[in-house]
Protein backbone atom coordinates (compact mmCIF):
# COMPACT_ATOMS: atom_id res chain seq x y z
CA MET A 1 86.08 91.68 74.67
CA HIS A 2 86.28 93.69 71.41
CA HIS A 3 82.77 95.04 71.90
CA VAL A 4 81.73 98.07 69.86
CA PRO A 5 80.11 100.74 72.08
CA ARG A 6 76.46 101.39 71.30
CA PRO A 7 73.62 103.18 73.09
CA CYS A 8 72.59 101.50 76.34
CA SER A 9 70.36 102.21 79.33
CA VAL A 10 73.24 103.19 81.59
CA VAL A 11 77.02 103.36 81.91
CA ILE A 12 78.44 101.60 84.98
CA ALA A 13 82.04 102.54 85.79
CA LEU A 14 83.63 99.84 87.96
CA GLY A 15 85.73 101.25 90.79
CA SER A 16 89.50 100.87 90.79
CA HIS A 17 92.72 102.86 91.12
CA ASP A 18 92.51 103.78 87.41
CA LEU A 19 90.96 107.14 86.49
CA THR A 20 90.88 106.19 82.80
CA VAL A 21 87.74 104.22 83.77
CA ALA A 22 86.03 107.48 84.74
CA ASP A 23 87.42 109.17 81.62
CA THR A 24 85.99 106.43 79.40
CA ALA A 25 82.62 106.61 81.13
CA ALA A 26 82.55 110.40 80.64
CA ASP A 27 83.47 110.00 76.97
CA LEU A 28 80.68 107.47 76.42
CA TYR A 29 78.19 109.83 78.05
CA ALA A 30 79.42 112.73 75.88
CA ARG A 31 78.94 110.57 72.79
CA GLY A 32 75.31 110.01 73.74
CA MET A 33 75.77 106.32 74.52
CA ALA A 34 73.71 106.49 77.73
CA PRO A 35 71.71 109.12 79.65
CA LEU A 36 73.08 108.12 83.04
CA VAL A 37 76.39 107.08 84.60
CA VAL A 38 76.84 105.06 87.79
CA MET A 39 80.18 105.48 89.56
CA THR A 40 80.71 102.55 91.90
CA GLY A 41 83.44 101.66 94.39
CA ALA A 42 84.72 102.15 97.93
CA THR A 43 88.48 101.71 98.39
CA SER A 44 90.89 98.82 97.98
CA PRO A 45 94.55 98.22 98.84
CA THR A 46 95.52 99.49 95.38
CA SER A 47 93.29 102.58 95.40
CA ALA A 48 93.37 103.85 98.99
CA ALA A 49 96.43 106.08 98.54
CA ARG A 50 95.36 107.40 95.12
CA MET A 51 91.68 107.84 96.00
CA PRO A 52 91.40 108.49 99.74
CA ARG A 53 87.77 109.66 99.48
CA GLY A 54 86.74 106.46 97.69
CA GLU A 55 86.82 105.31 94.09
CA ALA A 56 83.26 106.35 93.20
CA VAL A 57 83.78 109.83 94.67
CA HIS A 58 86.99 110.42 92.72
CA TYR A 59 85.40 108.99 89.56
CA ARG A 60 82.45 111.36 89.95
CA GLU A 61 84.75 114.37 90.39
CA ARG A 62 86.70 113.36 87.29
CA ALA A 63 83.52 112.96 85.25
CA LEU A 64 82.19 116.35 86.36
CA ASP A 65 85.53 117.92 85.39
CA ARG A 66 85.08 116.36 81.94
CA GLY A 67 81.65 117.88 81.46
CA VAL A 68 79.21 115.25 82.70
CA PRO A 69 76.39 117.04 84.54
CA ASP A 70 75.88 116.17 88.19
CA SER A 71 72.27 115.22 87.43
CA ALA A 72 73.52 112.43 85.14
CA VAL A 73 75.72 110.75 87.77
CA LEU A 74 74.62 108.28 90.45
CA LEU A 75 77.09 107.47 93.22
CA GLU A 76 77.52 104.01 94.72
CA PRO A 77 80.34 104.35 97.30
CA GLU A 78 80.25 101.01 99.16
CA ALA A 79 81.18 98.20 96.74
CA ARG A 80 84.47 96.46 97.48
CA ASN A 81 84.68 93.94 94.63
CA THR A 82 83.33 93.48 91.12
CA GLY A 83 80.31 91.46 92.21
CA GLU A 84 79.32 94.17 94.68
CA ASN A 85 79.97 96.88 92.06
CA ILE A 86 77.29 95.29 89.93
CA THR A 87 74.78 94.18 92.57
CA LYS A 88 74.91 97.47 94.47
CA SER A 89 74.62 99.43 91.22
CA ARG A 90 71.59 97.35 90.34
CA GLU A 91 70.02 98.16 93.73
CA LEU A 92 70.82 101.86 93.32
CA LEU A 93 69.28 102.01 89.86
CA ALA A 94 66.16 100.21 91.06
CA ALA A 95 65.85 102.59 94.01
CA ASN A 96 65.96 105.50 91.56
CA GLY A 97 63.33 103.96 89.30
CA VAL A 98 65.72 103.39 86.38
CA GLU A 99 64.72 100.57 84.06
CA VAL A 100 67.80 98.79 82.73
CA ALA A 101 67.83 96.63 79.60
CA SER A 102 71.47 97.14 78.65
CA ILE A 103 74.70 98.28 80.29
CA LEU A 104 77.89 99.84 79.04
CA LEU A 105 80.24 98.22 81.55
CA VAL A 106 83.45 100.23 81.89
CA SER A 107 86.55 98.76 83.51
CA LYS A 108 90.31 98.65 83.25
CA PRO A 109 91.35 97.14 79.87
CA TYR A 110 92.54 93.85 81.34
CA GLU A 111 89.39 93.50 83.46
CA GLU A 112 86.83 93.55 80.64
CA ARG A 113 86.40 89.77 80.41
CA ARG A 114 86.17 89.25 84.18
CA ALA A 115 83.69 92.12 84.48
CA TYR A 116 81.63 90.58 81.69
CA ALA A 117 81.72 87.13 83.31
CA THR A 118 80.64 88.64 86.64
CA LEU A 119 77.75 90.58 85.10
CA ARG A 120 76.51 87.50 83.26
CA LYS A 121 76.44 85.64 86.59
CA VAL A 122 74.85 88.22 88.88
CA TRP A 123 72.65 90.16 86.43
CA PRO A 124 72.00 87.82 83.48
CA SER A 125 68.84 89.57 82.29
CA VAL A 126 70.64 92.63 80.89
CA ASP A 127 72.63 93.00 77.71
CA ALA A 128 76.28 93.87 78.36
CA VAL A 129 78.65 95.96 76.26
CA CYS A 130 82.18 96.19 77.68
CA ALA A 131 84.39 99.24 77.27
CA SER A 132 87.75 100.52 78.45
CA VAL A 133 90.42 103.02 77.48
CA ARG A 134 92.21 102.17 74.25
CA LEU A 135 95.94 102.52 74.85
CA SER A 136 99.00 100.48 73.99
CA TYR A 137 100.53 98.53 76.86
CA ASP A 138 103.43 100.99 77.18
CA ASP A 139 101.14 104.02 77.15
CA TYR A 140 98.83 102.41 79.69
CA VAL A 141 101.71 101.64 82.04
CA SER A 142 102.94 105.22 81.66
CA ALA A 143 99.46 106.50 82.56
CA ILE A 144 99.33 104.34 85.70
CA GLY A 145 102.97 104.92 86.62
CA ASP A 146 103.70 101.48 88.12
CA GLU A 147 104.40 98.58 85.77
CA ASP A 148 104.81 95.99 88.54
CA MET A 149 101.36 96.85 89.87
CA VAL A 150 99.81 96.63 86.39
CA ILE A 151 101.33 93.19 85.82
CA ALA A 152 100.25 91.97 89.26
CA MET A 153 96.72 93.21 88.60
CA MET A 154 96.66 91.43 85.24
CA VAL A 155 97.83 88.21 86.88
CA GLY A 156 95.14 88.53 89.54
CA ALA A 157 92.44 89.21 86.94
CA THR A 158 93.47 86.15 84.92
CA GLN A 159 93.46 83.95 88.02
CA ARG A 160 89.94 85.09 88.91
CA ILE A 161 88.67 84.32 85.40
CA MET A 162 89.96 80.77 85.88
CA ILE A 163 88.90 80.05 89.47
CA TYR A 164 85.78 82.12 90.11
CA PRO A 165 83.31 79.99 88.08
CA ALA A 166 83.85 77.09 90.49
CA ARG A 167 83.15 79.47 93.38
CA GLY A 168 79.87 80.54 91.80
CA LEU A 169 81.04 84.13 91.30
CA THR A 170 81.27 84.29 87.49
CA VAL A 171 80.29 82.35 84.40
CA GLU A 172 82.89 80.27 82.58
CA GLN A 173 85.12 82.01 80.06
CA PRO A 174 87.57 80.49 77.59
CA VAL A 175 91.21 80.78 78.68
CA PRO A 176 93.61 79.85 75.86
CA THR A 177 96.60 77.64 76.62
CA GLN A 178 99.07 80.44 75.92
CA VAL A 179 97.27 82.72 78.38
CA ARG A 180 97.41 80.05 81.09
CA ALA A 181 101.13 79.61 80.40
CA ALA A 182 101.79 83.36 80.58
CA TYR A 183 99.82 83.55 83.83
CA ALA A 184 101.91 80.73 85.35
CA ARG A 185 105.21 82.32 84.27
CA LEU A 186 104.32 85.71 85.74
CA ARG A 187 102.97 84.16 88.95
CA ASP A 188 106.15 82.12 89.34
CA HIS A 189 108.24 85.27 88.79
CA GLY A 190 106.67 86.83 91.85
CA PHE A 191 103.74 88.87 90.52
CA THR A 192 101.47 87.51 93.23
CA GLY A 193 100.33 90.64 95.06
CA ARG A 194 96.81 90.56 93.63
CA LEU A 195 96.13 86.82 93.69
CA ALA A 196 92.77 85.91 95.23
CA ARG A 197 92.97 83.83 98.36
CA ASP A 198 89.33 83.73 99.37
CA GLU A 199 85.90 84.56 97.99
CA THR A 200 85.89 88.15 99.29
CA GLU A 201 88.68 89.36 97.00
């Protein structure tokens, strides 16, 4: 999304298999970009082996290791998709009396646009600033350790950007012709493991 991080009411770190999301959230907190961090996420097929105690729990542990105080972290351990990450975080923040005008929304690099489109649909009243780790493709793949999974996740994210508006799950986003063509090539080459098949994915 090419957003420039700026001070917001809260950081929300969207659960996944990728600990760079927690690292980025911790870095934003350390830079004084928000006084509070929400770690959100249960488990998914791609995170269960890496994060057996749940995405939010592992994120929280990572953030504490990187110097974020426990008092600055709220845990949301039940969300199983991006929509739930946001709606359950919203409920958690409300239950804790936190007024939210703006959100630093932290995700995997290739999920920024879908996260933004989801937030605009389910919580349109807040201002959104997207953030993710800044790495080259090769360095990111090295950090994750599984290029096929990264490509499959990217294909799945692109598909959701295209099909979720019609399902009422996100707002419309522009998808350039060359991106649609790349998506189709990768899908046709077998990177289909993270394609959405129903509205729960």
